[in-house]
Amino acid sequence: MHALEDIIYSVIDVLEEARSGLRKNPDTVLFGLDASLDSIALITFITGVEEQTRATTGKTIRIVTPETLAMDPSPFQTLGSLAAYLDKQLQDGRAAQS
């Protein structure tokens, strides 16, 4: 599985109905000065990614944790960095079965 195509892009499809402004590109900035989303939209997006991960894989993963917030570089910088973080968590077995 590849989190960018299998999980994250399907959440963008749902959010596009609400005109989120996200583009399906690994370099799309999620967090910071050039971010595509405001804070509320980012929370909605992250929640959607968690829900889509559970629906797609049957595993529960919490993306926003004290550990992820302290990571440098942040997994929330771009769609690509978030996908890499998700892929690693799923491959390492850190996600809990639902």
N, C-alpha and C. Protein backbone atom coordinates (compact mmCIF):
# COMPACT_ATOMS: atom_id res chain seq x y z
N MET A 1 0.84 -1.18 0.00
CA MET A 1 0.00 0.00 0.00
C MET A 1 0.88 1.24 0.00
N HIS A 2 0.37 2.28 -0.60
CA HIS A 2 1.07 3.57 -0.63
C HIS A 2 0.10 4.61 -0.09
N ALA A 3 0.40 5.15 1.08
CA ALA A 3 -0.53 6.04 1.79
C ALA A 3 -0.94 7.26 0.97
N LEU A 4 -0.05 7.78 0.13
CA LEU A 4 -0.39 8.99 -0.63
C LEU A 4 -1.57 8.72 -1.56
N GLU A 5 -1.49 7.67 -2.36
CA GLU A 5 -2.57 7.39 -3.29
C GLU A 5 -3.77 6.71 -2.63
N ASP A 6 -3.51 5.73 -1.77
CA ASP A 6 -4.58 4.92 -1.21
C ASP A 6 -5.38 5.60 -0.11
N ILE A 7 -4.77 6.52 0.62
CA ILE A 7 -5.44 7.14 1.76
C ILE A 7 -5.58 8.65 1.57
N ILE A 8 -4.48 9.34 1.44
CA ILE A 8 -4.50 10.81 1.47
C ILE A 8 -5.25 11.40 0.29
N TYR A 9 -5.02 10.90 -0.93
CA TYR A 9 -5.70 11.47 -2.09
C TYR A 9 -7.21 11.24 -2.03
N SER A 10 -7.66 10.13 -1.45
CA SER A 10 -9.11 9.92 -1.36
C SER A 10 -9.74 10.89 -0.36
N VAL A 11 -9.01 11.29 0.67
CA VAL A 11 -9.51 12.31 1.60
C VAL A 11 -9.60 13.65 0.88
N ILE A 12 -8.61 13.96 0.05
CA ILE A 12 -8.65 15.20 -0.72
C ILE A 12 -9.87 15.22 -1.63
N ASP A 13 -10.19 14.08 -2.25
CA ASP A 13 -11.38 14.02 -3.11
C ASP A 13 -12.62 14.41 -2.34
N VAL A 14 -12.77 13.93 -1.12
CA VAL A 14 -13.93 14.27 -0.29
C VAL A 14 -13.90 15.75 0.08
N LEU A 15 -12.73 16.24 0.47
CA LEU A 15 -12.62 17.64 0.87
C LEU A 15 -12.79 18.60 -0.30
N GLU A 16 -12.47 18.16 -1.50
CA GLU A 16 -12.63 19.03 -2.66
C GLU A 16 -14.08 19.46 -2.83
N GLU A 17 -15.00 18.59 -2.40
CA GLU A 17 -16.40 18.97 -2.45
C GLU A 17 -16.65 20.19 -1.57
N ALA A 18 -15.84 20.35 -0.54
CA ALA A 18 -15.95 21.52 0.35
C ALA A 18 -14.97 22.61 -0.05
N ARG A 19 -14.31 22.43 -1.21
CA ARG A 19 -13.37 23.42 -1.75
C ARG A 19 -12.21 23.71 -0.79
N SER A 20 -11.50 22.67 -0.43
CA SER A 20 -10.39 22.80 0.52
C SER A 20 -9.19 23.52 -0.06
N GLY A 21 -8.99 23.47 -1.36
CA GLY A 21 -7.82 24.09 -1.97
C GLY A 21 -6.61 23.17 -2.03
N LEU A 22 -6.73 21.95 -1.55
CA LEU A 22 -5.61 21.00 -1.61
C LEU A 22 -5.42 20.50 -3.03
N ARG A 23 -4.18 20.33 -3.42
CA ARG A 23 -3.85 19.78 -4.72
C ARG A 23 -3.21 18.41 -4.52
N LYS A 24 -3.53 17.48 -5.40
CA LYS A 24 -2.96 16.13 -5.32
C LYS A 24 -1.54 16.17 -5.84
N ASN A 25 -0.64 16.57 -4.97
CA ASN A 25 0.77 16.66 -5.31
C ASN A 25 1.55 16.43 -4.02
N PRO A 26 2.54 15.55 -4.03
CA PRO A 26 3.31 15.29 -2.80
C PRO A 26 3.95 16.53 -2.21
N ASP A 27 4.18 17.56 -3.03
CA ASP A 27 4.82 18.79 -2.55
C ASP A 27 3.83 19.81 -2.00
N THR A 28 2.53 19.50 -2.00
CA THR A 28 1.53 20.43 -1.46
C THR A 28 1.82 20.68 0.01
N VAL A 29 1.96 21.95 0.38
CA VAL A 29 2.31 22.34 1.75
C VAL A 29 1.05 22.30 2.62
N LEU A 30 1.16 21.62 3.75
CA LEU A 30 0.03 21.51 4.69
C LEU A 30 0.13 22.46 5.86
N PHE A 31 1.35 22.75 6.30
CA PHE A 31 1.54 23.47 7.55
C PHE A 31 2.62 24.52 7.36
N GLY A 32 2.40 25.71 7.90
CA GLY A 32 3.39 26.77 7.81
C GLY A 32 2.86 27.95 7.03
N LEU A 33 3.75 28.85 6.67
CA LEU A 33 3.37 30.11 6.02
C LEU A 33 2.72 29.90 4.66
N ASP A 34 3.19 28.92 3.91
CA ASP A 34 2.67 28.68 2.57
C ASP A 34 1.61 27.57 2.54
N ALA A 35 0.99 27.31 3.67
CA ALA A 35 0.06 26.19 3.81
C ALA A 35 -1.16 26.37 2.92
N SER A 36 -1.66 25.23 2.45
CA SER A 36 -2.87 25.20 1.63
C SER A 36 -4.14 25.25 2.48
N LEU A 37 -4.01 24.94 3.77
CA LEU A 37 -5.17 24.84 4.64
C LEU A 37 -5.06 25.78 5.83
N ASP A 38 -6.20 26.28 6.30
CA ASP A 38 -6.19 27.00 7.57
C ASP A 38 -6.23 25.95 8.69
N SER A 39 -6.18 26.39 9.93
CA SER A 39 -6.05 25.44 11.05
C SER A 39 -7.26 24.50 11.16
N ILE A 40 -8.46 25.02 10.95
CA ILE A 40 -9.66 24.17 11.04
C ILE A 40 -9.66 23.15 9.90
N ALA A 41 -9.34 23.58 8.70
CA ALA A 41 -9.30 22.67 7.56
C ALA A 41 -8.22 21.61 7.74
N LEU A 42 -7.09 21.98 8.35
CA LEU A 42 -6.03 21.01 8.61
C LEU A 42 -6.50 19.94 9.58
N ILE A 43 -7.20 20.33 10.62
CA ILE A 43 -7.74 19.36 11.59
C ILE A 43 -8.74 18.44 10.89
N THR A 44 -9.61 19.00 10.06
CA THR A 44 -10.58 18.20 9.32
C THR A 44 -9.86 17.21 8.41
N PHE A 45 -8.82 17.68 7.73
CA PHE A 45 -8.05 16.82 6.84
C PHE A 45 -7.38 15.68 7.61
N ILE A 46 -6.71 15.99 8.71
CA ILE A 46 -6.02 14.97 9.51
C ILE A 46 -7.01 13.93 10.03
N THR A 47 -8.16 14.40 10.51
CA THR A 47 -9.20 13.48 10.98
C THR A 47 -9.66 12.57 9.83
N GLY A 48 -9.82 13.16 8.66
CA GLY A 48 -10.21 12.37 7.49
C GLY A 48 -9.17 11.33 7.13
N VAL A 49 -7.90 11.69 7.23
CA VAL A 49 -6.82 10.74 6.93
C VAL A 49 -6.83 9.60 7.95
N GLU A 50 -7.05 9.91 9.21
CA GLU A 50 -7.13 8.85 10.23
C GLU A 50 -8.30 7.92 9.94
N GLU A 51 -9.45 8.49 9.60
CA GLU A 51 -10.63 7.67 9.30
C GLU A 51 -10.43 6.83 8.04
N GLN A 52 -9.83 7.42 7.02
CA GLN A 52 -9.58 6.68 5.77
C GLN A 52 -8.54 5.59 5.99
N THR A 53 -7.56 5.83 6.83
CA THR A 53 -6.57 4.80 7.16
C THR A 53 -7.27 3.60 7.78
N ARG A 54 -8.16 3.87 8.72
CA ARG A 54 -8.90 2.78 9.38
C ARG A 54 -9.78 2.04 8.38
N ALA A 55 -10.47 2.78 7.50
CA ALA A 55 -11.35 2.16 6.51
C ALA A 55 -10.57 1.34 5.49
N THR A 56 -9.39 1.80 5.11
CA THR A 56 -8.59 1.15 4.08
C THR A 56 -7.79 -0.03 4.61
N THR A 57 -7.24 0.12 5.82
CA THR A 57 -6.32 -0.89 6.34
C THR A 57 -6.87 -1.71 7.50
N GLY A 58 -7.95 -1.22 8.12
CA GLY A 58 -8.45 -1.88 9.32
C GLY A 58 -7.62 -1.57 10.55
N LYS A 59 -6.70 -0.62 10.42
CA LYS A 59 -5.81 -0.25 11.53
C LYS A 59 -6.10 1.18 11.96
N THR A 60 -5.96 1.40 13.25
CA THR A 60 -6.16 2.73 13.82
C THR A 60 -4.81 3.38 14.06
N ILE A 61 -4.68 4.60 13.58
CA ILE A 61 -3.45 5.34 13.80
C ILE A 61 -3.81 6.75 14.23
N ARG A 62 -3.11 7.25 15.23
CA ARG A 62 -3.27 8.64 15.68
C ARG A 62 -2.12 9.41 15.07
N ILE A 63 -2.47 10.38 14.25
CA ILE A 63 -1.44 11.14 13.56
C ILE A 63 -0.90 12.26 14.44
N VAL A 64 -1.78 12.95 15.13
CA VAL A 64 -1.35 14.07 15.98
C VAL A 64 -1.11 13.54 17.38
N THR A 65 0.17 13.43 17.72
CA THR A 65 0.59 12.98 19.05
C THR A 65 1.70 13.92 19.51
N PRO A 66 2.04 13.91 20.79
CA PRO A 66 3.17 14.73 21.22
C PRO A 66 4.45 14.41 20.44
N GLU A 67 4.63 13.13 20.08
CA GLU A 67 5.83 12.73 19.35
C GLU A 67 5.83 13.32 17.93
N THR A 68 4.70 13.23 17.23
CA THR A 68 4.68 13.77 15.87
C THR A 68 4.78 15.29 15.87
N LEU A 69 4.23 15.94 16.87
CA LEU A 69 4.33 17.39 16.94
C LEU A 69 5.76 17.85 17.20
N ALA A 70 6.56 16.99 17.84
CA ALA A 70 7.96 17.34 18.16
C ALA A 70 8.95 16.92 17.07
N MET A 71 8.49 16.17 16.08
CA MET A 71 9.40 15.67 15.05
C MET A 71 9.98 16.80 14.21
N ASP A 72 11.26 16.64 13.87
CA ASP A 72 11.92 17.60 12.99
C ASP A 72 12.70 16.81 11.94
N PRO A 73 12.30 16.85 10.70
CA PRO A 73 11.25 17.68 10.14
C PRO A 73 9.86 17.13 10.46
N SER A 74 8.90 18.01 10.43
CA SER A 74 7.52 17.65 10.75
C SER A 74 6.90 16.80 9.64
N PRO A 75 6.14 15.76 10.02
CA PRO A 75 5.42 14.99 9.01
C PRO A 75 4.25 15.77 8.42
N PHE A 76 3.95 16.94 8.98
CA PHE A 76 2.83 17.75 8.52
C PHE A 76 3.23 18.82 7.50
N GLN A 77 4.48 18.83 7.06
CA GLN A 77 4.93 19.86 6.13
C GLN A 77 4.23 19.74 4.78
N THR A 78 4.23 18.56 4.20
CA THR A 78 3.65 18.36 2.87
C THR A 78 2.84 17.07 2.84
N LEU A 79 2.09 16.91 1.75
CA LEU A 79 1.37 15.64 1.58
C LEU A 79 2.36 14.48 1.51
N GLY A 80 3.49 14.69 0.85
CA GLY A 80 4.50 13.64 0.74
C GLY A 80 5.09 13.25 2.07
N SER A 81 5.39 14.23 2.93
CA SER A 81 5.96 13.91 4.24
C SER A 81 4.93 13.21 5.12
N LEU A 82 3.66 13.57 5.00
CA LEU A 82 2.62 12.89 5.76
C LEU A 82 2.46 11.46 5.27
N ALA A 83 2.49 11.27 3.96
CA ALA A 83 2.38 9.92 3.40
C ALA A 83 3.55 9.05 3.84
N ALA A 84 4.76 9.60 3.84
CA ALA A 84 5.94 8.84 4.28
C ALA A 84 5.79 8.43 5.74
N TYR A 85 5.30 9.35 6.57
CA TYR A 85 5.09 9.04 7.98
C TYR A 85 4.05 7.93 8.13
N LEU A 86 2.93 8.03 7.41
CA LEU A 86 1.89 7.00 7.50
C LEU A 86 2.41 5.65 7.02
N ASP A 87 3.09 5.65 5.87
CA ASP A 87 3.64 4.39 5.36
C ASP A 87 4.56 3.74 6.38
N LYS A 88 5.41 4.54 7.00
CA LYS A 88 6.35 4.00 8.01
C LYS A 88 5.59 3.43 9.20
N GLN A 89 4.59 4.15 9.69
CA GLN A 89 3.83 3.68 10.84
C GLN A 89 3.11 2.37 10.51
N LEU A 90 2.55 2.27 9.33
CA LEU A 90 1.84 1.06 8.92
C LEU A 90 2.79 -0.09 8.70
N GLN A 91 3.97 0.17 8.13
CA GLN A 91 4.96 -0.88 7.88
C GLN A 91 5.61 -1.36 9.17
N ASP A 92 5.83 -0.44 10.11
CA ASP A 92 6.47 -0.80 11.36
C ASP A 92 5.51 -1.47 12.34
N GLY A 93 4.24 -1.55 11.98
CA GLY A 93 3.25 -2.18 12.85
C GLY A 93 2.87 -1.33 14.04
N ARG A 94 3.05 -0.03 13.94
CA ARG A 94 2.72 0.86 15.06
C ARG A 94 1.25 1.23 15.11
N ALA A 95 0.52 0.88 14.06
CA ALA A 95 -0.91 1.14 14.05
C ALA A 95 -1.62 -0.03 14.73
N ALA A 96 -2.64 0.28 15.49
CA ALA A 96 -3.40 -0.75 16.20
C ALA A 96 -4.51 -1.30 15.31
N GLN A 97 -4.75 -2.59 15.41
CA GLN A 97 -5.87 -3.19 14.69
C GLN A 97 -7.17 -2.67 15.27
N SER A 98 -8.13 -2.37 14.38
CA SER A 98 -9.44 -1.88 14.84
C SER A 98 -10.33 -3.05 15.19
